[in-house]
Protein backbone atom coordinates (compact mmCIF):
# COMPACT_ATOMS: atom_id res chain seq x y z
CA MET A 1 0.00 0.00 0.00
CA SER A 2 1.46 3.35 -1.00
CA ARG A 3 1.56 6.38 1.21
CA GLY A 4 -0.95 9.14 0.65
CA ARG A 5 0.07 12.65 -0.35
CA ILE A 6 -0.41 14.08 3.16
CA GLU A 7 1.35 11.18 4.87
CA SER A 8 4.28 11.68 2.49
CA ARG A 9 4.32 15.39 3.30
CA LEU A 10 4.32 14.64 7.04
CA ALA A 11 7.25 12.25 6.53
CA GLN A 12 9.15 14.94 4.56
CA LEU A 13 8.63 17.30 7.50
CA GLY A 14 9.82 14.64 9.96
CA ILE A 15 6.41 14.49 11.61
CA GLN A 16 4.61 11.40 12.85
CA LEU A 17 1.06 11.85 14.06
CA PRO A 18 0.44 10.64 17.60
CA PRO A 19 -2.44 8.35 18.53
CA ALA A 20 -5.64 10.35 18.94
CA PRO A 21 -5.94 11.62 22.52
CA LYS A 22 -8.88 10.38 24.57
CA PRO A 23 -11.42 12.93 25.86
CA VAL A 24 -10.80 14.16 29.42
CA ALA A 25 -14.46 15.01 30.11
CA ALA A 26 -18.02 14.41 28.81
CA TYR A 27 -17.68 15.13 25.09
CA VAL A 28 -16.75 13.42 21.84
CA PRO A 29 -13.44 14.15 20.10
CA ALA A 30 -15.07 15.13 16.80
CA VAL A 31 -18.46 15.50 15.13
CA ARG A 32 -19.12 15.35 11.41
CA SER A 33 -21.93 17.43 9.93
CA GLY A 34 -22.14 17.15 6.16
CA ASN A 35 -18.68 17.82 4.75
CA LEU A 36 -17.44 19.52 7.92
CA ILE A 37 -15.68 17.88 10.86
CA PHE A 38 -15.64 19.85 14.11
CA VAL A 39 -12.70 18.74 16.28
CA SER A 40 -13.05 19.35 20.00
CA GLY A 41 -10.39 21.44 21.71
CA GLN A 42 -7.05 19.67 21.89
CA ILE A 43 -4.45 20.41 24.53
CA PRO A 44 -0.71 19.77 24.01
CA MET A 45 -0.60 16.16 25.15
CA SER A 46 2.51 14.30 24.05
CA ALA A 47 3.33 10.75 25.12
CA GLY A 48 0.59 10.87 27.75
CA SER A 49 1.52 14.12 29.47
CA LEU A 50 1.16 17.87 28.96
CA MET A 51 4.07 19.52 27.15
CA CYS A 52 3.66 22.66 29.22
CA LYS A 53 1.40 24.14 31.88
CA GLY A 54 0.60 27.63 33.00
CA PRO A 55 0.45 31.10 31.52
CA VAL A 56 2.56 32.77 28.88
CA PRO A 57 5.04 34.35 29.49
CA SER A 58 5.54 33.90 33.27
CA ALA A 59 5.51 30.07 33.29
CA VAL A 60 5.98 29.25 29.60
CA THR A 61 7.99 31.10 26.95
CA LEU A 62 6.47 32.26 23.68
CA ASP A 63 8.51 29.65 21.78
CA GLN A 64 7.36 26.86 24.11
CA ALA A 65 3.74 27.97 23.66
CA ARG A 66 4.15 27.99 19.85
CA ALA A 67 5.49 24.42 20.03
CA ALA A 68 2.53 23.46 22.23
CA ALA A 69 0.13 24.93 19.64
CA ARG A 70 1.81 22.77 16.97
CA GLN A 71 1.29 19.69 19.16
CA CYS A 72 -2.38 20.59 19.56
CA VAL A 73 -2.73 20.61 15.76
CA LEU A 74 -1.03 17.21 15.47
CA ASN A 75 -3.45 15.86 18.07
CA ALA A 76 -6.39 17.36 16.18
CA LEU A 77 -5.24 15.77 12.91
CA ALA A 78 -4.90 12.44 14.72
CA VAL A 79 -8.50 12.83 15.90
CA VAL A 80 -9.63 13.45 12.31
CA ARG A 81 -7.73 10.39 11.11
CA ASP A 82 -8.36 7.95 13.96
CA VAL A 83 -11.68 8.97 15.50
CA ALA A 84 -13.49 10.50 12.54
CA GLY A 85 -12.05 7.76 10.32
CA ILE A 86 -10.99 10.14 7.54
CA ASP A 87 -7.91 9.66 5.40
CA LEU A 88 -6.01 12.94 5.63
CA ASP A 89 -5.89 13.06 1.81
CA ASP A 90 -9.69 13.48 1.95
CA LEU A 91 -9.33 16.83 3.71
CA SER A 92 -10.11 19.49 1.14
CA ARG A 93 -9.21 22.40 3.42
CA ILE A 94 -8.70 23.60 6.97
CA VAL A 95 -11.65 25.93 7.58
CA ARG A 96 -11.08 27.46 11.01
CA LEU A 97 -8.97 27.31 14.16
CA GLY A 98 -9.85 28.54 17.60
CA VAL A 99 -6.67 28.98 19.64
CA PHE A 100 -6.91 29.62 23.37
CA VAL A 101 -3.79 30.73 25.23
CA CYS A 102 -3.43 30.76 29.01
CA SER A 103 -2.03 34.25 29.41
CA ASP A 104 -0.69 36.61 32.01
CA LYS A 105 -2.83 39.74 32.23
CA ASP A 106 -0.31 41.89 30.36
CA PHE A 107 0.38 39.37 27.56
CA PHE A 108 -1.08 40.39 24.21
CA ASP A 109 0.75 38.15 21.74
CA GLN A 110 -1.82 35.35 21.51
CA PRO A 111 -1.68 35.60 17.68
CA LYS A 112 2.06 34.81 17.78
CA VAL A 113 1.32 31.65 19.79
CA ALA A 114 -1.49 30.72 17.38
CA ASN A 115 0.93 31.10 14.46
CA GLY A 116 2.61 27.92 15.68
CA ALA A 117 -0.56 26.05 14.76
CA SER A 118 -1.40 28.03 11.62
CA GLU A 119 2.07 27.83 10.10
CA LEU A 120 2.23 24.07 10.62
CA LEU A 121 -1.08 23.57 8.82
CA GLN A 122 0.19 25.64 5.91
CA GLU A 123 3.41 23.58 5.81
CA ILE A 124 1.39 20.38 5.65
CA PHE A 125 -1.55 21.36 3.42
CA GLY A 126 -0.17 24.33 1.46
CA GLU A 127 -2.82 26.83 0.35
CA ASN A 128 -5.57 24.48 1.62
CA GLY A 129 -4.09 24.87 5.10
CA ARG A 130 -4.86 28.61 5.20
CA HIS A 131 -7.87 29.20 7.45
CA ALA A 132 -9.98 31.61 9.45
CA ARG A 133 -8.83 31.89 13.07
CA ALA A 134 -9.47 33.31 16.50
CA ALA A 135 -6.63 33.68 19.02
CA VAL A 136 -7.95 34.30 22.51
CA GLY A 137 -6.31 34.85 25.89
CA SER A 138 -7.64 32.92 28.87
CA ILE A 139 -6.96 32.89 32.59
CA ALA A 140 -6.96 29.07 32.73
CA LEU A 141 -7.39 26.05 30.44
CA PRO A 142 -8.24 22.37 31.06
CA LEU A 143 -5.69 20.47 33.17
CA GLY A 144 -3.62 23.65 33.44
CA ALA A 145 -2.63 23.51 29.76
CA THR A 146 -0.92 26.49 28.19
CA VAL A 147 -2.73 26.18 24.86
CA GLU A 148 -5.93 24.61 23.51
CA VAL A 149 -6.80 24.41 19.80
CA GLU A 150 -10.14 23.54 18.23
CA MET A 151 -10.40 22.96 14.50
CA VAL A 152 -12.99 22.76 11.71
CA VAL A 153 -12.00 20.90 8.54
CA GLU A 154 -13.80 20.27 5.27
CA VAL A 155 -13.68 16.82 3.70
CA SER A 156 -14.23 15.95 0.07
CA ALA A 157 -15.57 12.44 0.63
């Protein structure tokens, strides 16, 4: 069986998708409605633990938060693949991201954190990875996470 276009692109980038994270509360990881898949908020879980906790920039640097946002996207793509049962080549575009950043009260660079997620999607999907986005500061996120990313994708099949 040959690799799909997106799997090949991930390999070129040196990226391997993790297993889809399990929900930590009473919700489902993703819901499909027509050609849209709504992925529940993903926190930066890697190998079973949070990559970083606490607010930016007092507990977590901007670069660490950007890396956490990238991990959230990888987790969201794993949910699309594993839970929604969609081959990543069937994604026709990334529609929207919601990026939530645990922030100190004087931190206003949430868009720079969110760029970690947005830029990765553009690296993987090219023009089809460009999307609408909200980048929002928050006083706290689930399990103390620094970043949470929700995603809406459109599928062709």
